[in-house]
C-alpha atoms as a PDB file:
ATOM      1  CA  ASP A   1      19.506 -13.854  24.405  1.00  0.00           C
ATOM      2  CA  THR A   2      20.546 -14.785  20.849  1.00  0.00           C
ATOM      3  CA  VAL A   3      22.627 -12.601  18.536  1.00  0.00           C
ATOM      4  CA  PHE A   4      23.089 -13.081  14.795  1.00  0.00           C
ATOM      5  CA  VAL A   5      25.948 -11.308  13.127  1.00  0.00           C
ATOM      6  CA  VAL A   6      25.613 -11.589   9.208  1.00  0.00           C
ATOM      7  CA  GLY A   7      27.978 -10.501   6.445  1.00  0.00           C
ATOM      8  CA  LEU A   8      31.216 -11.461   8.114  1.00  0.00           C
ATOM      9  CA  GLU A   9      33.095 -11.003   4.965  1.00  0.00           C
ATOM     10  CA  GLU A  10      36.129  -8.811   4.088  1.00  0.00           C
ATOM     11  CA  GLY A  11      34.845  -5.613   2.554  1.00  0.00           C
ATOM     12  CA  LEU A  12      31.445  -5.780   4.596  1.00  0.00           C
ATOM     13  CA  PHE A  13      32.802  -6.423   8.137  1.00  0.00           C
ATOM     14  CA  PRO A  14      35.266  -5.077   8.257  1.00  0.00           C
ATOM     15  CA  HIS A  15      33.924  -2.548   5.696  1.00  0.00           C
ATOM     16  CA  PHE A  16      36.075  -1.865   2.699  1.00  0.00           C
ATOM     17  CA  LYS A  17      36.526   1.747   3.704  1.00  0.00           C
ATOM     18  CA  SER A  18      38.080   0.758   6.960  1.00  0.00           C
ATOM     19  CA  LEU A  19      40.787  -1.367   5.382  1.00  0.00           C
ATOM     20  CA  ALA A  20      43.169   1.467   4.787  1.00  0.00           C
ATOM     21  CA  SER A  21      43.597   2.575   8.275  1.00  0.00           C
ATOM     22  CA  ARG A  22      44.755   0.497  11.379  1.00  0.00           C
ATOM     23  CA  GLU A  23      42.607   2.687  13.602  1.00  0.00           C
ATOM     24  CA  ASP A  24      39.531   2.008  11.511  1.00  0.00           C
ATOM     25  CA  ILE A  25      40.136  -1.676  11.523  1.00  0.00           C
ATOM     26  CA  GLU A  26      40.493  -1.531  15.367  1.00  0.00           C
ATOM     27  CA  GLU A  27      37.129   0.352  15.539  1.00  0.00           C
ATOM     28  CA  GLU A  28      35.455  -2.404  13.428  1.00  0.00           C
ATOM     29  CA  ARG A  29      37.013  -5.078  15.765  1.00  0.00           C
ATOM     30  CA  ARG A  30      35.509  -3.229  18.744  1.00  0.00           C
ATOM     31  CA  LEU A  31      32.076  -3.318  17.068  1.00  0.00           C
ATOM     32  CA  MET A  32      32.558  -7.053  16.467  1.00  0.00           C
ATOM     33  CA  TYR A  33      33.377  -7.486  20.155  1.00  0.00           C
ATOM     34  CA  VAL A  34      30.385  -5.532  21.245  1.00  0.00           C
ATOM     35  CA  ALA A  35      28.137  -7.618  18.965  1.00  0.00           C
ATOM     36  CA  MET A  36      29.596 -10.845  20.268  1.00  0.00           C
ATOM     37  CA  THR A  37      29.316  -9.962  23.997  1.00  0.00           C
ATOM     38  CA  ARG A  38      25.697  -9.055  23.620  1.00  0.00           C
ATOM     39  CA  ALA A  39      24.682 -12.684  23.247  1.00  0.00           C
ATOM     40  CA  LYS A  40      23.539 -14.215  26.507  1.00  0.00           C
ATOM     41  CA  GLU A  41      22.928 -17.746  25.250  1.00  0.00           C
ATOM     42  CA  ARG A  42      23.666 -18.155  21.628  1.00  0.00           C
ATOM     43  CA  LEU A  43      25.735 -16.278  19.003  1.00  0.00           C
ATOM     44  CA  PHE A  44      25.517 -16.935  15.253  1.00  0.00           C
ATOM     45  CA  LEU A  45      28.268 -15.762  12.939  1.00  0.00           C
ATOM     46  CA  THR A  46      27.620 -16.035   9.182  1.00  0.00           C
ATOM     47  CA  TYR A  47      29.126 -15.225   6.001  1.00  0.00           C
ATOM     48  CA  ALA A  48      28.341 -15.834   2.328  1.00  0.00           C
ATOM     49  CA  LEU A  49      30.337 -18.111   0.154  1.00  0.00           C
ATOM     50  CA  ARG A  50      28.753 -16.318  -2.861  1.00  0.00           C
ATOM     51  CA  ARG A  51      26.967 -13.071  -3.062  1.00  0.00           C
ATOM     52  CA  THR A  52      25.584 -10.846  -5.788  1.00  0.00           C
ATOM     53  CA  LEU A  53      26.835  -7.282  -5.720  1.00  0.00           C
ATOM     54  CA  ARG A  54      25.483  -4.739  -8.246  1.00  0.00           C
ATOM     55  CA  GLY A  55      24.249  -7.579 -10.337  1.00  0.00           C
ATOM     56  CA  LYS A  56      27.532  -9.402 -10.553  1.00  0.00           C
ATOM     57  CA  PRO A  57      28.556 -12.650  -8.717  1.00  0.00           C
ATOM     58  CA  ASP A  58      31.099 -12.173  -5.888  1.00  0.00           C
ATOM     59  CA  PHE A  59      33.002 -14.853  -3.958  1.00  0.00           C
ATOM     60  CA  PRO A  60      33.970 -12.897  -0.713  1.00  0.00           C
ATOM     61  CA  GLU A  61      36.805 -13.884   1.680  1.00  0.00           C
ATOM     62  CA  PRO A  62      35.463 -14.569   5.254  1.00  0.00           C
ATOM     63  CA  SER A  63      36.161 -11.772   7.725  1.00  0.00           C
ATOM     64  CA  ARG A  64      39.541 -11.761   9.346  1.00  0.00           C
ATOM     65  CA  PHE A  65      37.601 -11.301  12.615  1.00  0.00           C
ATOM     66  CA  LEU A  66      36.399 -14.966  12.295  1.00  0.00           C
ATOM     67  CA  SER A  67      40.023 -16.320  12.490  1.00  0.00           C
ATOM     68  CA  GLU A  68      40.639 -14.466  15.575  1.00  0.00           C
ATOM     69  CA  ILE A  69      38.176 -16.446  17.617  1.00  0.00           C
ATOM     70  CA  PRO A  70      39.736 -19.401  19.390  1.00  0.00           C
ATOM     71  CA  ASP A  71      38.772 -22.814  17.977  1.00  0.00           C
ATOM     72  CA  GLU A  72      37.461 -24.024  21.381  1.00  0.00           C
ATOM     73  CA  TYR A  73      34.491 -21.448  21.209  1.00  0.00           C
ATOM     74  CA  VAL A  74      33.538 -22.281  17.529  1.00  0.00           C
ATOM     75  CA  GLU A  75      30.998 -24.913  16.486  1.00  0.00           C
ATOM     76  CA  ASN A  76      30.784 -24.987  12.638  1.00  0.00           C
ATOM     77  CA  LEU A  77      27.147 -25.709  11.568  1.00  0.00           C
ATOM     78  CA  GLY A  78      28.268 -26.161   8.002  1.00  0.00           C
ATOM     79  CA  GLU A  79      26.944 -24.576   4.816  1.00  0.00           C
ATOM     80  CA  TYR A  80      23.486 -23.834   3.708  1.00  0.00           C
ATOM     81  CA  SER A  81      22.477 -26.031   0.747  1.00  0.00           C
ATOM     82  CA  PRO A  82      19.250 -25.379  -1.168  1.00  0.00           C
ATOM     83  CA  ASP A  83      17.111 -28.376  -1.776  1.00  0.00           C
ATOM     84  CA  GLU A  84      16.923 -29.874  -5.187  1.00  0.00           C
ATOM     85  CA  GLU A  85      13.887 -27.895  -6.302  1.00  0.00           C
ATOM     86  CA  GLU A  86      15.521 -24.587  -5.495  1.00  0.00           C
ATOM     87  CA  SER A  87      18.696 -25.467  -7.307  1.00  0.00           C
ATOM     88  CA  GLU A  88      17.327 -25.047 -10.719  1.00  0.00           C
ATOM     89  CA  PRO A  89      18.034 -21.643 -12.258  1.00  0.00           C
ATOM     90  CA  GLN A  90      15.200 -19.234 -11.702  1.00  0.00           C
ATOM     91  CA  PHE A  91      14.693 -16.934 -14.659  1.00  0.00           C
ATOM     92  CA  VAL A  92      12.479 -14.683 -12.706  1.00  0.00           C
ATOM     93  CA  ARG A  93      11.746 -12.238 -15.372  1.00  0.00           C
ATOM     94  CA  GLY A  94      10.901 -14.993 -17.822  1.00  0.00           C
ATOM     95  CA  VAL A  95      13.718 -14.220 -20.129  1.00  0.00           C
ATOM     96  CA  SER A  96      15.814 -17.036 -21.526  1.00  0.00           C
ATOM     97  CA  VAL A  97      18.489 -16.113 -24.133  1.00  0.00           C
ATOM     98  CA  ARG A  98      21.083 -17.826 -26.241  1.00  0.00           C
ATOM     99  CA  GLU A  99      24.490 -16.547 -27.335  1.00  0.00           C
ATOM    100  CA  GLY A 100      24.208 -14.481 -30.524  1.00  0.00           C
ATOM    101  CA  GLU A 101      20.726 -13.282 -29.782  1.00  0.00           C
ATOM    102  CA  ARG A 102      19.789  -9.564 -29.842  1.00  0.00           C
ATOM    103  CA  ILE A 103      18.264  -8.071 -26.679  1.00  0.00           C
ATOM    104  CA  ARG A 104      17.263  -4.507 -25.606  1.00  0.00           C
ATOM    105  CA  HIS A 105      18.130  -3.128 -22.129  1.00  0.00           C
ATOM    106  CA  GLU A 106      16.063  -0.161 -20.903  1.00  0.00           C
ATOM    107  CA  GLU A 107      19.202   1.879 -20.173  1.00  0.00           C
ATOM    108  CA  PHE A 108      21.939   0.506 -22.509  1.00  0.00           C
ATOM    109  CA  GLY A 109      19.862  -0.072 -25.565  1.00  0.00           C
ATOM    110  CA  TYR A 110      20.324  -2.898 -28.113  1.00  0.00           C
ATOM    111  CA  GLY A 111      22.956  -5.526 -27.632  1.00  0.00           C
ATOM    112  CA  ILE A 112      24.316  -8.995 -28.663  1.00  0.00           C
ATOM    113  CA  VAL A 113      24.495 -11.694 -26.060  1.00  0.00           C
ATOM    114  CA  LEU A 114      28.157 -12.989 -26.027  1.00  0.00           C
ATOM    115  CA  GLU A 115      27.917 -15.409 -23.140  1.00  0.00           C
ATOM    116  CA  VAL A 116      25.098 -17.131 -21.186  1.00  0.00           C
ATOM    117  CA  HIS A 117      25.869 -18.334 -17.605  1.00  0.00           C
ATOM    118  CA  SER A 118      23.148 -20.474 -16.058  1.00  0.00           C
ATOM    119  CA  GLU A 119      24.467 -20.353 -12.460  1.00  0.00           C
ATOM    120  CA  ILE A 120      22.282 -21.656  -9.801  1.00  0.00           C
ATOM    121  CA  ASN A 121      19.731 -19.096  -8.822  1.00  0.00           C
ATOM    122  CA  ASN A 122      21.613 -16.342 -10.493  1.00  0.00           C
ATOM    123  CA  PRO A 123      21.736 -16.815 -14.276  1.00  0.00           C
ATOM    124  CA  TYR A 124      23.581 -14.016 -15.898  1.00  0.00           C
ATOM    125  CA  ILE A 125      24.658 -12.854 -19.420  1.00  0.00           C
ATOM    126  CA  VAL A 126      27.442 -10.928 -20.966  1.00  0.00           C
ATOM    127  CA  VAL A 127      26.229  -8.533 -23.626  1.00  0.00           C
ATOM    128  CA  ASP A 128      28.028  -6.286 -26.050  1.00  0.00           C
ATOM    129  CA  PHE A 129      26.234  -3.063 -26.522  1.00  0.00           C
ATOM    130  CA  GLY A 130      28.539  -1.730 -29.216  1.00  0.00           C
ATOM    131  CA  GLU A 131      31.673   0.590 -29.074  1.00  0.00           C
ATOM    132  CA  GLY A 132      33.458  -1.494 -26.450  1.00  0.00           C
ATOM    133  CA  ASN A 133      30.411  -1.315 -24.113  1.00  0.00           C
ATOM    134  CA  ILE A 134      30.267  -4.861 -22.714  1.00  0.00           C
ATOM    135  CA  LYS A 135      28.122  -5.520 -19.592  1.00  0.00           C
ATOM    136  CA  GLN A 136      27.445  -8.395 -17.382  1.00  0.00           C
ATOM    137  CA  LEU A 137      23.713  -8.657 -16.522  1.00  0.00           C
ATOM    138  CA  SER A 138      21.672 -10.713 -14.190  1.00  0.00           C
ATOM    139  CA  LEU A 139      18.704 -12.438 -15.802  1.00  0.00           C
ATOM    140  CA  LYS A 140      16.866 -11.973 -12.564  1.00  0.00           C
ATOM    141  CA  TYR A 141      17.192  -8.163 -12.307  1.00  0.00           C
ATOM    142  CA  ALA A 142      18.201  -6.644 -15.647  1.00  0.00           C
ATOM    143  CA  PRO A 143      15.353  -4.780 -17.448  1.00  0.00           C
ATOM    144  CA  ILE A 144      15.823  -6.566 -20.771  1.00  0.00           C
ATOM    145  CA  ARG A 145      13.689  -8.073 -23.492  1.00  0.00           C
ATOM    146  CA  LYS A 146      14.424 -10.186 -26.526  1.00  0.00           C
ATOM    147  CA  GLU A 147      14.348  -8.344 -29.864  1.00  0.00           C
END
């Protein structure tokens, strides 16, 4: 009765591998049509304003398919907004660092923190591991420790 289609972002739906070919885009469009017509009562189409891909923040564009739906069939329910408690940065691994501090990453070895970004629910750092090897690491997921 109800269908949810999530990830309606350029690069996800339609998938980035389909963007080079008109035929592939049309196939993705047909998949979207099938998903939408399966809904008997309610259809929810969602996309992320911000997403983390491979540990890096991403701000994707909404899928082109959304703009192809006539306005009279669309009810915008708005954006999800976390409550005050959730909006504080969550340093899941318990690591908080400052610029200039030395850290150790399990794979990349020792490095110096160049930048600290305390973004809501996705704090990340930029680290120089030497010899031009600069990485952006999520404090939530990166296997690091202070040295």
